[in-house]
Amino acid sequence: MNVTVYCGSNPGDDPAFASTARELGAWIARAGHTLVYGGSSVGLMGEVSRAAIEGGAPVIGIEPEFFIEAGVAQHELTELVVVETMGERKAQMIERGDMFVALPGGVGTLEEISEIITRVRLDLGPHECFLLNVNGFYEPLRVFLETMVEHRFFDQCDLDRCHFPASVAELAHLAATADERPQARCEGALLQQMG
C-alpha cells in the first residue's frame, strides 16, 4: 500500500511531532508499505522519510524543481519525481496514494489534507483519511469540522470517515481494521452538496 504523508517542512515546537514522524516512517517500513511524500529532507518531512528509508521501505518523493534548487531534496529515495508546480505535486501525491495521513504541519499541510477531506466527502477516493492528532494538534480542526456539521455544511457520516488517531499505534490499528468499516457513501450527501 502507498501511504501518502503530508507534514511540515519544519519540526515545529514540540519534540513529539518529530518522534511521531519517525514512528510513522518506521511503521510504514515494518508494515511493508511505500511512503509517498513531498520529497524534502528538512523538518517533519525529513524525519518521516529517513525513518522509512532506514527501515527499508520504498520511498517516493515528489518535489517541485524550485525546492530541489534550494537544496532541500532528500537523498537515497527510491524515486524522486520532479514537478514544476505545487499543484502538480499535490496531484501526483493523490494519484500515487492509497492511504492519506497528515502529521502536524502548516498551511501547506492543511491545504493538502483539506483536499483529501473534500475527496472523501465527494466519494472521489479515498474512502477515509487520517490526521495524526499528536498532543491534540488537530483538535481545533476537529472542532471546526463538528461546527460545520452543526450548521449543515458537512455531514456527520463524512466526518466519521476523517479519523484523528492520537498515536501511530492507533493509526496502525485503524489501518488494520479498515475492511471492517462500512464503505457506503453517505446517502444523499453529494446531492445535498450540489443543491
N, C-alpha and C. Protein backbone atom coordinates (compact mmCIF):
# COMPACT_ATOMS: atom_id res chain seq x y z
N MET A 1 0.85 -1.19 0.00
CA MET A 1 0.00 0.00 0.00
C MET A 1 0.88 1.24 0.00
N ASN A 2 0.51 2.23 -0.79
CA ASN A 2 1.20 3.51 -0.80
C ASN A 2 0.56 4.44 0.22
N VAL A 3 1.36 4.89 1.18
CA VAL A 3 0.88 5.79 2.22
C VAL A 3 1.38 7.19 1.91
N THR A 4 0.47 8.07 1.51
CA THR A 4 0.82 9.46 1.26
C THR A 4 0.77 10.22 2.58
N VAL A 5 1.89 10.86 2.91
CA VAL A 5 2.01 11.58 4.18
C VAL A 5 2.21 13.06 3.90
N TYR A 6 1.38 13.88 4.51
CA TYR A 6 1.51 15.33 4.46
C TYR A 6 2.04 15.80 5.81
N CYS A 7 3.02 16.71 5.79
CA CYS A 7 3.56 17.19 7.06
C CYS A 7 4.40 18.43 6.85
N GLY A 8 4.83 19.01 7.95
CA GLY A 8 5.56 20.27 7.92
C GLY A 8 6.98 20.13 7.40
N SER A 9 7.45 21.19 6.77
CA SER A 9 8.85 21.25 6.32
C SER A 9 9.74 21.84 7.40
N ASN A 10 9.18 22.07 8.59
CA ASN A 10 10.00 22.37 9.76
C ASN A 10 9.50 21.47 10.89
N PRO A 11 10.27 21.36 11.97
CA PRO A 11 9.92 20.37 13.01
C PRO A 11 8.86 20.83 14.00
N GLY A 12 8.49 22.11 13.98
CA GLY A 12 7.55 22.61 14.98
C GLY A 12 8.21 22.76 16.33
N ASP A 13 7.40 23.04 17.34
CA ASP A 13 7.95 23.36 18.66
C ASP A 13 7.81 22.24 19.68
N ASP A 14 7.27 21.10 19.27
CA ASP A 14 7.03 20.00 20.20
C ASP A 14 7.85 18.80 19.75
N PRO A 15 8.77 18.31 20.58
CA PRO A 15 9.58 17.14 20.19
C PRO A 15 8.74 15.93 19.82
N ALA A 16 7.50 15.87 20.32
CA ALA A 16 6.63 14.75 19.99
C ALA A 16 6.27 14.72 18.51
N PHE A 17 6.29 15.86 17.85
CA PHE A 17 5.99 15.88 16.42
C PHE A 17 7.04 15.08 15.64
N ALA A 18 8.31 15.35 15.94
CA ALA A 18 9.40 14.66 15.24
C ALA A 18 9.43 13.18 15.61
N SER A 19 9.24 12.87 16.88
CA SER A 19 9.28 11.46 17.27
C SER A 19 8.12 10.68 16.64
N THR A 20 6.96 11.32 16.52
CA THR A 20 5.83 10.66 15.87
C THR A 20 6.09 10.48 14.38
N ALA A 21 6.71 11.47 13.75
CA ALA A 21 7.07 11.34 12.33
C ALA A 21 8.01 10.15 12.13
N ARG A 22 8.98 9.99 13.04
CA ARG A 22 9.90 8.85 12.93
C ARG A 22 9.15 7.53 13.15
N GLU A 23 8.24 7.52 14.11
CA GLU A 23 7.43 6.31 14.36
C GLU A 23 6.60 5.96 13.14
N LEU A 24 6.04 6.98 12.49
CA LEU A 24 5.22 6.74 11.31
C LEU A 24 6.06 6.14 10.18
N GLY A 25 7.24 6.72 9.93
CA GLY A 25 8.11 6.18 8.90
C GLY A 25 8.52 4.75 9.19
N ALA A 26 8.82 4.46 10.47
CA ALA A 26 9.20 3.10 10.85
C ALA A 26 8.04 2.13 10.68
N TRP A 27 6.81 2.57 11.03
CA TRP A 27 5.64 1.70 10.86
C TRP A 27 5.39 1.40 9.38
N ILE A 28 5.52 2.41 8.53
CA ILE A 28 5.34 2.21 7.10
C ILE A 28 6.29 1.12 6.60
N ALA A 29 7.54 1.18 7.06
CA ALA A 29 8.52 0.17 6.66
C ALA A 29 8.17 -1.21 7.22
N ARG A 30 7.86 -1.29 8.50
CA ARG A 30 7.54 -2.58 9.13
C ARG A 30 6.34 -3.25 8.49
N ALA A 31 5.37 -2.43 8.12
CA ALA A 31 4.13 -2.96 7.56
C ALA A 31 4.27 -3.33 6.08
N GLY A 32 5.42 -3.05 5.48
CA GLY A 32 5.63 -3.38 4.09
C GLY A 32 5.00 -2.40 3.12
N HIS A 33 4.76 -1.18 3.57
CA HIS A 33 4.14 -0.16 2.74
C HIS A 33 5.20 0.70 2.05
N THR A 34 4.76 1.57 1.16
CA THR A 34 5.60 2.55 0.48
C THR A 34 5.21 3.94 0.97
N LEU A 35 6.20 4.76 1.27
CA LEU A 35 5.94 6.15 1.64
C LEU A 35 5.93 7.01 0.39
N VAL A 36 4.87 7.81 0.26
CA VAL A 36 4.79 8.86 -0.76
C VAL A 36 4.72 10.17 0.00
N TYR A 37 5.61 11.10 -0.31
CA TYR A 37 5.62 12.36 0.46
C TYR A 37 6.23 13.45 -0.39
N GLY A 38 6.40 14.63 0.18
CA GLY A 38 6.80 15.81 -0.57
C GLY A 38 8.24 15.90 -1.01
N GLY A 39 9.09 14.95 -0.62
CA GLY A 39 10.44 14.86 -1.16
C GLY A 39 11.53 15.61 -0.43
N SER A 40 11.19 16.38 0.61
CA SER A 40 12.20 17.21 1.28
C SER A 40 12.95 16.44 2.37
N SER A 41 14.12 16.98 2.71
CA SER A 41 14.96 16.38 3.74
C SER A 41 14.85 17.12 5.06
N VAL A 42 14.05 18.17 5.10
CA VAL A 42 14.01 19.05 6.28
C VAL A 42 12.69 18.87 7.05
N GLY A 43 12.71 19.29 8.30
CA GLY A 43 11.51 19.26 9.13
C GLY A 43 10.95 17.87 9.33
N LEU A 44 9.63 17.81 9.51
CA LEU A 44 8.98 16.51 9.72
C LEU A 44 9.06 15.65 8.47
N MET A 45 9.13 16.29 7.29
CA MET A 45 9.30 15.52 6.06
C MET A 45 10.60 14.74 6.09
N GLY A 46 11.65 15.36 6.56
CA GLY A 46 12.93 14.67 6.68
C GLY A 46 12.88 13.53 7.69
N GLU A 47 12.19 13.76 8.80
CA GLU A 47 12.11 12.74 9.85
C GLU A 47 11.38 11.49 9.36
N VAL A 48 10.21 11.68 8.74
CA VAL A 48 9.42 10.52 8.32
C VAL A 48 10.13 9.78 7.18
N SER A 49 10.75 10.52 6.27
CA SER A 49 11.41 9.86 5.13
C SER A 49 12.66 9.10 5.57
N ARG A 50 13.46 9.69 6.44
CA ARG A 50 14.67 8.99 6.90
C ARG A 50 14.31 7.72 7.66
N ALA A 51 13.28 7.78 8.49
CA ALA A 51 12.88 6.59 9.24
C ALA A 51 12.39 5.49 8.30
N ALA A 52 11.64 5.88 7.27
CA ALA A 52 11.15 4.89 6.31
C ALA A 52 12.31 4.29 5.52
N ILE A 53 13.26 5.13 5.10
CA ILE A 53 14.42 4.65 4.36
C ILE A 53 15.24 3.70 5.23
N GLU A 54 15.49 4.10 6.48
CA GLU A 54 16.26 3.26 7.39
C GLU A 54 15.58 1.92 7.65
N GLY A 55 14.24 1.92 7.60
CA GLY A 55 13.50 0.68 7.81
C GLY A 55 13.40 -0.17 6.57
N GLY A 56 13.89 0.32 5.44
CA GLY A 56 13.88 -0.46 4.21
C GLY A 56 12.66 -0.28 3.34
N ALA A 57 11.84 0.73 3.63
CA ALA A 57 10.63 0.95 2.82
C ALA A 57 10.99 1.66 1.52
N PRO A 58 10.27 1.35 0.43
CA PRO A 58 10.38 2.20 -0.75
C PRO A 58 9.85 3.59 -0.41
N VAL A 59 10.54 4.61 -0.88
CA VAL A 59 10.14 5.98 -0.59
C VAL A 59 10.12 6.77 -1.89
N ILE A 60 8.96 7.34 -2.19
CA ILE A 60 8.77 8.16 -3.38
C ILE A 60 8.60 9.61 -2.94
N GLY A 61 9.52 10.45 -3.38
CA GLY A 61 9.43 11.87 -3.10
C GLY A 61 8.94 12.62 -4.31
N ILE A 62 8.04 13.58 -4.09
CA ILE A 62 7.52 14.39 -5.19
C ILE A 62 7.81 15.85 -4.86
N GLU A 63 8.72 16.44 -5.61
CA GLU A 63 9.31 17.72 -5.22
C GLU A 63 9.30 18.71 -6.39
N PRO A 64 8.80 19.93 -6.16
CA PRO A 64 8.93 20.96 -7.19
C PRO A 64 10.40 21.29 -7.43
N GLU A 65 10.71 21.61 -8.66
CA GLU A 65 12.11 21.87 -9.04
C GLU A 65 12.72 23.00 -8.22
N PHE A 66 11.91 24.01 -7.88
CA PHE A 66 12.49 25.15 -7.13
C PHE A 66 12.92 24.76 -5.72
N PHE A 67 12.30 23.70 -5.14
CA PHE A 67 12.77 23.22 -3.84
C PHE A 67 14.07 22.43 -4.00
N ILE A 68 14.18 21.70 -5.10
CA ILE A 68 15.42 20.96 -5.36
C ILE A 68 16.57 21.94 -5.55
N GLU A 69 16.30 23.02 -6.27
CA GLU A 69 17.32 24.04 -6.48
C GLU A 69 17.73 24.70 -5.16
N ALA A 70 16.82 24.71 -4.19
CA ALA A 70 17.13 25.28 -2.87
C ALA A 70 17.92 24.31 -2.00
N GLY A 71 18.11 23.07 -2.49
CA GLY A 71 18.95 22.10 -1.79
C GLY A 71 18.28 21.35 -0.66
N VAL A 72 16.95 21.23 -0.69
CA VAL A 72 16.27 20.56 0.43
C VAL A 72 15.77 19.16 0.07
N ALA A 73 16.05 18.68 -1.14
CA ALA A 73 15.57 17.35 -1.53
C ALA A 73 16.25 16.26 -0.70
N GLN A 74 15.49 15.21 -0.39
CA GLN A 74 16.03 14.06 0.35
C GLN A 74 16.82 13.18 -0.61
N HIS A 75 17.95 12.67 -0.14
CA HIS A 75 18.75 11.75 -0.93
C HIS A 75 18.34 10.31 -0.60
N GLU A 76 18.81 9.38 -1.39
CA GLU A 76 18.57 7.94 -1.17
C GLU A 76 17.10 7.55 -1.31
N LEU A 77 16.33 8.32 -2.06
CA LEU A 77 14.94 7.96 -2.31
C LEU A 77 14.88 6.85 -3.36
N THR A 78 13.86 6.03 -3.27
CA THR A 78 13.62 5.03 -4.31
C THR A 78 13.30 5.71 -5.63
N GLU A 79 12.54 6.79 -5.53
CA GLU A 79 12.16 7.55 -6.72
C GLU A 79 11.95 9.00 -6.33
N LEU A 80 12.51 9.91 -7.11
CA LEU A 80 12.27 11.34 -6.94
C LEU A 80 11.56 11.84 -8.19
N VAL A 81 10.33 12.30 -8.00
CA VAL A 81 9.53 12.83 -9.10
C VAL A 81 9.64 14.35 -9.06
N VAL A 82 10.19 14.93 -10.11
CA VAL A 82 10.38 16.39 -10.16
C VAL A 82 9.22 17.00 -10.94
N VAL A 83 8.54 17.96 -10.32
CA VAL A 83 7.41 18.64 -10.95
C VAL A 83 7.69 20.14 -10.98
N GLU A 84 6.87 20.88 -11.70
CA GLU A 84 7.09 22.32 -11.82
C GLU A 84 6.34 23.11 -10.76
N THR A 85 5.14 22.68 -10.40
CA THR A 85 4.30 23.48 -9.51
C THR A 85 3.85 22.70 -8.29
N MET A 86 3.38 23.44 -7.29
CA MET A 86 2.82 22.81 -6.09
C MET A 86 1.55 22.05 -6.43
N GLY A 87 0.77 22.57 -7.40
CA GLY A 87 -0.44 21.87 -7.81
C GLY A 87 -0.13 20.52 -8.42
N GLU A 88 0.93 20.45 -9.24
CA GLU A 88 1.34 19.17 -9.82
C GLU A 88 1.80 18.21 -8.74
N ARG A 89 2.52 18.75 -7.77
CA ARG A 89 2.98 17.91 -6.65
C ARG A 89 1.79 17.29 -5.94
N LYS A 90 0.81 18.12 -5.62
CA LYS A 90 -0.37 17.64 -4.89
C LYS A 90 -1.11 16.58 -5.70
N ALA A 91 -1.27 16.82 -7.00
CA ALA A 91 -1.98 15.87 -7.85
C ALA A 91 -1.25 14.53 -7.91
N GLN A 92 0.07 14.57 -8.01
CA GLN A 92 0.86 13.33 -8.05
C GLN A 92 0.77 12.57 -6.73
N MET A 93 0.79 13.30 -5.62
CA MET A 93 0.70 12.64 -4.31
C MET A 93 -0.65 11.96 -4.13
N ILE A 94 -1.71 12.58 -4.65
CA ILE A 94 -3.03 11.96 -4.59
C ILE A 94 -3.09 10.75 -5.50
N GLU A 95 -2.60 10.91 -6.73
CA GLU A 95 -2.66 9.84 -7.72
C GLU A 95 -1.91 8.59 -7.25
N ARG A 96 -0.80 8.79 -6.56
CA ARG A 96 0.03 7.66 -6.16
C ARG A 96 -0.36 7.07 -4.80
N GLY A 97 -1.28 7.72 -4.09
CA GLY A 97 -1.59 7.28 -2.74
C GLY A 97 -2.77 6.32 -2.65
N ASP A 98 -2.71 5.46 -1.64
CA ASP A 98 -3.83 4.58 -1.29
C ASP A 98 -4.41 4.98 0.07
N MET A 99 -3.55 5.41 0.96
CA MET A 99 -3.92 5.84 2.31
C MET A 99 -3.31 7.22 2.52
N PHE A 100 -4.06 8.12 3.18
CA PHE A 100 -3.62 9.51 3.31
C PHE A 100 -3.58 9.91 4.77
N VAL A 101 -2.39 10.38 5.20
CA VAL A 101 -2.13 10.68 6.60
C VAL A 101 -1.53 12.08 6.70
N ALA A 102 -2.02 12.88 7.64
CA ALA A 102 -1.42 14.18 7.92
C ALA A 102 -0.77 14.14 9.30
N LEU A 103 0.51 14.45 9.33
CA LEU A 103 1.21 14.77 10.57
C LEU A 103 1.00 16.27 10.83
N PRO A 104 1.42 16.78 11.97
CA PRO A 104 1.35 18.23 12.16
C PRO A 104 2.11 18.98 11.04
N GLY A 105 1.63 20.15 10.73
CA GLY A 105 2.25 20.96 9.70
C GLY A 105 1.59 22.32 9.62
N GLY A 106 1.96 23.07 8.61
CA GLY A 106 1.45 24.43 8.46
C GLY A 106 0.35 24.52 7.43
N VAL A 107 0.26 25.69 6.78
CA VAL A 107 -0.86 25.92 5.87
C VAL A 107 -0.80 25.02 4.64
N GLY A 108 0.41 24.64 4.21
CA GLY A 108 0.52 23.71 3.08
C GLY A 108 -0.06 22.36 3.42
N THR A 109 0.26 21.87 4.61
CA THR A 109 -0.28 20.59 5.08
C THR A 109 -1.80 20.68 5.21
N LEU A 110 -2.28 21.79 5.75
CA LEU A 110 -3.72 21.98 5.91
C LEU A 110 -4.42 21.98 4.55
N GLU A 111 -3.81 22.66 3.58
CA GLU A 111 -4.41 22.71 2.25
C GLU A 111 -4.46 21.32 1.62
N GLU A 112 -3.40 20.55 1.78
CA GLU A 112 -3.34 19.21 1.19
C GLU A 112 -4.35 18.26 1.82
N ILE A 113 -4.42 18.25 3.15
CA ILE A 113 -5.35 17.31 3.78
C ILE A 113 -6.79 17.78 3.61
N SER A 114 -6.99 19.10 3.45
CA SER A 114 -8.35 19.60 3.19
C SER A 114 -8.86 19.07 1.85
N GLU A 115 -7.98 19.00 0.86
CA GLU A 115 -8.41 18.44 -0.43
C GLU A 115 -8.81 16.97 -0.27
N ILE A 116 -8.07 16.23 0.56
CA ILE A 116 -8.40 14.82 0.78
C ILE A 116 -9.75 14.71 1.49
N ILE A 117 -10.00 15.56 2.48
CA ILE A 117 -11.30 15.55 3.17
C ILE A 117 -12.42 15.83 2.16
N THR A 118 -12.20 16.77 1.25
CA THR A 118 -13.19 17.07 0.22
C THR A 118 -13.41 15.86 -0.68
N ARG A 119 -12.34 15.18 -1.06
CA ARG A 119 -12.46 13.99 -1.90
C ARG A 119 -13.20 12.87 -1.18
N VAL A 120 -12.97 12.74 0.12
CA VAL A 120 -13.73 11.76 0.92
C VAL A 120 -15.21 12.10 0.84
N ARG A 121 -15.53 13.37 1.04
CA ARG A 121 -16.93 13.80 1.04
C ARG A 121 -17.60 13.56 -0.30
N LEU A 122 -16.88 13.82 -1.40
CA LEU A 122 -17.45 13.70 -2.74
C LEU A 122 -17.32 12.28 -3.30
N ASP A 123 -16.76 11.38 -2.52
CA ASP A 123 -16.60 9.99 -2.92
C ASP A 123 -15.73 9.86 -4.17
N LEU A 124 -14.69 10.68 -4.24
CA LEU A 124 -13.75 10.64 -5.36
C LEU A 124 -12.54 9.76 -5.05
N GLY A 125 -12.49 9.21 -3.85
CA GLY A 125 -11.33 8.44 -3.40
C GLY A 125 -10.32 9.39 -2.78
N PRO A 126 -9.82 9.06 -1.61
CA PRO A 126 -10.00 7.81 -0.87
C PRO A 126 -11.34 7.78 -0.12
N HIS A 127 -11.59 6.63 0.55
CA HIS A 127 -12.82 6.49 1.32
C HIS A 127 -12.70 7.17 2.68
N GLU A 128 -11.47 7.29 3.20
CA GLU A 128 -11.26 7.90 4.52
C GLU A 128 -9.87 8.51 4.58
N CYS A 129 -9.62 9.32 5.62
CA CYS A 129 -8.30 9.91 5.80
C CYS A 129 -7.98 9.98 7.29
N PHE A 130 -6.72 10.29 7.58
CA PHE A 130 -6.21 10.19 8.95
C PHE A 130 -5.37 11.42 9.28
N LEU A 131 -5.69 12.07 10.39
CA LEU A 131 -4.93 13.21 10.86
C LEU A 131 -4.32 12.83 12.21
N LEU A 132 -3.00 12.68 12.24
CA LEU A 132 -2.33 12.27 13.48
C LEU A 132 -2.40 13.42 14.48
N ASN A 133 -3.24 13.22 15.47
CA ASN A 133 -3.59 14.28 16.41
C ASN A 133 -2.59 14.31 17.58
N VAL A 134 -1.33 14.56 17.25
CA VAL A 134 -0.24 14.49 18.23
C VAL A 134 -0.42 15.59 19.27
N ASN A 135 -0.56 15.17 20.53
CA ASN A 135 -0.77 16.13 21.63
C ASN A 135 -1.88 17.13 21.32
N GLY A 136 -2.93 16.64 20.64
CA GLY A 136 -4.10 17.48 20.37
C GLY A 136 -3.92 18.50 19.26
N PHE A 137 -2.88 18.34 18.43
CA PHE A 137 -2.58 19.34 17.40
C PHE A 137 -3.78 19.62 16.49
N TYR A 138 -4.50 18.57 16.10
CA TYR A 138 -5.61 18.74 15.16
C TYR A 138 -6.96 18.87 15.86
N GLU A 139 -6.96 19.04 17.17
CA GLU A 139 -8.23 19.17 17.88
C GLU A 139 -9.04 20.39 17.42
N PRO A 140 -8.41 21.56 17.21
CA PRO A 140 -9.19 22.71 16.72
C PRO A 140 -9.84 22.43 15.36
N LEU A 141 -9.15 21.70 14.50
CA LEU A 141 -9.74 21.37 13.19
C LEU A 141 -10.91 20.42 13.36
N ARG A 142 -10.77 19.46 14.25
CA ARG A 142 -11.88 18.54 14.50
C ARG A 142 -13.10 19.31 15.00
N VAL A 143 -12.89 20.24 15.92
CA VAL A 143 -13.99 21.05 16.46
C VAL A 143 -14.62 21.89 15.34
N PHE A 144 -13.78 22.45 14.47
CA PHE A 144 -14.29 23.25 13.36
C PHE A 144 -15.14 22.39 12.42
N LEU A 145 -14.70 21.18 12.12
CA LEU A 145 -15.50 20.28 11.28
C LEU A 145 -16.81 19.92 11.97
N GLU A 146 -16.78 19.74 13.28
CA GLU A 146 -18.03 19.48 14.02
C GLU A 146 -18.97 20.67 13.92
N THR A 147 -18.40 21.89 13.95
CA THR A 147 -19.21 23.10 13.78
C THR A 147 -19.85 23.13 12.39
N MET A 148 -19.11 22.70 11.38
CA MET A 148 -19.67 22.61 10.03
C MET A 148 -20.84 21.63 10.00
N VAL A 149 -20.71 20.53 10.73
CA VAL A 149 -21.81 19.55 10.80
C VAL A 149 -23.02 20.19 11.46
N GLU A 150 -22.80 20.90 12.57
CA GLU A 150 -23.90 21.55 13.29
C GLU A 150 -24.66 22.52 12.39
N HIS A 151 -23.93 23.20 11.51
CA HIS A 151 -24.55 24.21 10.64
C HIS A 151 -24.92 23.65 9.27
N ARG A 152 -24.82 22.33 9.11
CA ARG A 152 -25.27 21.62 7.91
C ARG A 152 -24.47 21.96 6.65
N PHE A 153 -23.16 22.24 6.86
CA PHE A 153 -22.25 22.40 5.74
C PHE A 153 -21.42 21.14 5.50
N PHE A 154 -21.53 20.17 6.40
CA PHE A 154 -20.76 18.93 6.36
C PHE A 154 -21.64 17.89 7.02
N ASP A 155 -21.48 16.62 6.64
CA ASP A 155 -22.31 15.56 7.19
C ASP A 155 -21.54 14.74 8.22
N GLN A 156 -22.23 14.32 9.25
CA GLN A 156 -21.59 13.52 10.29
C GLN A 156 -21.01 12.24 9.72
N CYS A 157 -21.71 11.63 8.75
CA CYS A 157 -21.20 10.38 8.18
C CYS A 157 -19.88 10.61 7.44
N ASP A 158 -19.66 11.82 6.90
CA ASP A 158 -18.38 12.12 6.28
C ASP A 158 -17.32 12.44 7.33
N LEU A 159 -17.71 13.16 8.37
CA LEU A 159 -16.77 13.42 9.46
C LEU A 159 -16.31 12.12 10.10
N ASP A 160 -17.19 11.14 10.16
CA ASP A 160 -16.83 9.84 10.75
C ASP A 160 -15.75 9.13 9.95
N ARG A 161 -15.56 9.54 8.70
CA ARG A 161 -14.52 8.92 7.86
C ARG A 161 -13.21 9.71 7.90
N CYS A 162 -13.19 10.78 8.69
CA CYS A 162 -11.96 11.54 8.95
C CYS A 162 -11.50 11.18 10.36
N HIS A 163 -10.47 10.38 10.45
CA HIS A 163 -10.03 9.84 11.74
C HIS A 163 -8.92 10.71 12.33
N PHE A 164 -8.93 10.82 13.65
CA PHE A 164 -7.96 11.65 14.36
C PHE A 164 -7.20 10.81 15.39
N PRO A 165 -6.42 9.82 14.95
CA PRO A 165 -5.69 8.98 15.90
C PRO A 165 -4.66 9.80 16.67
N ALA A 166 -4.51 9.49 17.95
CA ALA A 166 -3.58 10.23 18.80
C ALA A 166 -2.15 9.70 18.69
N SER A 167 -1.97 8.52 18.08
CA SER A 167 -0.65 7.90 18.02
C SER A 167 -0.55 7.05 16.76
N VAL A 168 0.69 6.67 16.44
CA VAL A 168 0.92 5.77 15.31
C VAL A 168 0.32 4.40 15.60
N ALA A 169 0.36 3.97 16.85
CA ALA A 169 -0.24 2.68 17.21
C ALA A 169 -1.74 2.68 16.91
N GLU A 170 -2.42 3.76 17.24
CA GLU A 170 -3.85 3.86 16.94
C GLU A 170 -4.09 3.93 15.44
N LEU A 171 -3.22 4.66 14.72
CA LEU A 171 -3.32 4.71 13.26
C LEU A 171 -3.15 3.32 12.66
N ALA A 172 -2.17 2.58 13.15
CA ALA A 172 -1.92 1.22 12.64
C ALA A 172 -3.14 0.33 12.87
N HIS A 173 -3.78 0.48 14.02
CA HIS A 173 -4.99 -0.31 14.30
C HIS A 173 -6.10 0.06 13.33
N LEU A 174 -6.28 1.35 13.08
CA LEU A 174 -7.31 1.80 12.14
C LEU A 174 -7.02 1.26 10.73
N ALA A 175 -5.76 1.28 10.34
CA ALA A 175 -5.40 0.76 9.02
C ALA A 175 -5.67 -0.74 8.94
N ALA A 176 -5.37 -1.46 10.01
CA ALA A 176 -5.56 -2.92 10.01
C ALA A 176 -7.02 -3.32 10.01
N THR A 177 -7.89 -2.44 10.50
CA THR A 177 -9.32 -2.77 10.60
C THR A 177 -10.16 -2.03 9.57
N ALA A 178 -9.51 -1.47 8.54
CA ALA A 178 -10.23 -0.67 7.54
C ALA A 178 -11.34 -1.46 6.87
N ASP A 179 -11.10 -2.74 6.62
CA ASP A 179 -12.11 -3.55 5.92
C ASP A 179 -13.36 -3.79 6.76
N GLU A 180 -13.26 -3.54 8.06
CA GLU A 180 -14.40 -3.75 8.95
C GLU A 180 -15.33 -2.55 8.99
N ARG A 181 -14.86 -1.41 8.45
CA ARG A 181 -15.69 -0.20 8.46
C ARG A 181 -16.53 -0.14 7.19
N PRO A 182 -17.73 0.41 7.28
CA PRO A 182 -18.59 0.48 6.09
C PRO A 182 -17.98 1.37 5.02
N GLN A 183 -18.15 0.97 3.76
CA GLN A 183 -17.60 1.71 2.63
C GLN A 183 -18.68 2.51 1.89
N ALA A 184 -19.91 2.44 2.36
CA ALA A 184 -21.01 3.09 1.63
C ALA A 184 -20.90 4.61 1.71
N ARG A 185 -21.36 5.27 0.66
CA ARG A 185 -21.45 6.72 0.66
C ARG A 185 -22.53 7.17 1.62
N CYS A 186 -22.39 8.39 2.11
CA CYS A 186 -23.45 9.00 2.89
C CYS A 186 -24.63 9.25 1.96
N GLU A 187 -25.76 8.70 2.29
CA GLU A 187 -26.91 8.77 1.38
C GLU A 187 -27.34 10.21 1.16
N GLY A 188 -27.33 10.62 -0.11
CA GLY A 188 -27.81 11.95 -0.46
C GLY A 188 -26.82 13.07 -0.23
N ALA A 189 -25.63 12.76 0.32
CA ALA A 189 -24.70 13.83 0.68
C ALA A 189 -24.24 14.62 -0.54
N LEU A 190 -23.93 13.93 -1.64
CA LEU A 190 -23.45 14.62 -2.82
C LEU A 190 -24.53 15.53 -3.39
N LEU A 191 -25.79 15.02 -3.42
CA LEU A 191 -26.89 15.85 -3.93
C LEU A 191 -27.11 17.07 -3.04
N GLN A 192 -26.98 16.87 -1.73
CA GLN A 192 -27.14 18.00 -0.81
C GLN A 192 -26.05 19.03 -1.06
N GLN A 193 -24.83 18.56 -1.29
CA GLN A 193 -23.71 19.48 -1.52
C GLN A 193 -23.95 20.31 -2.78
N MET A 194 -24.50 19.66 -3.82
CA MET A 194 -24.68 20.34 -5.10
C MET A 194 -25.96 21.17 -5.13
N GLY A 195 -26.88 20.88 -4.21
CA GLY A 195 -28.19 21.52 -4.27
C GLY A 195 -28.32 22.74 -3.48
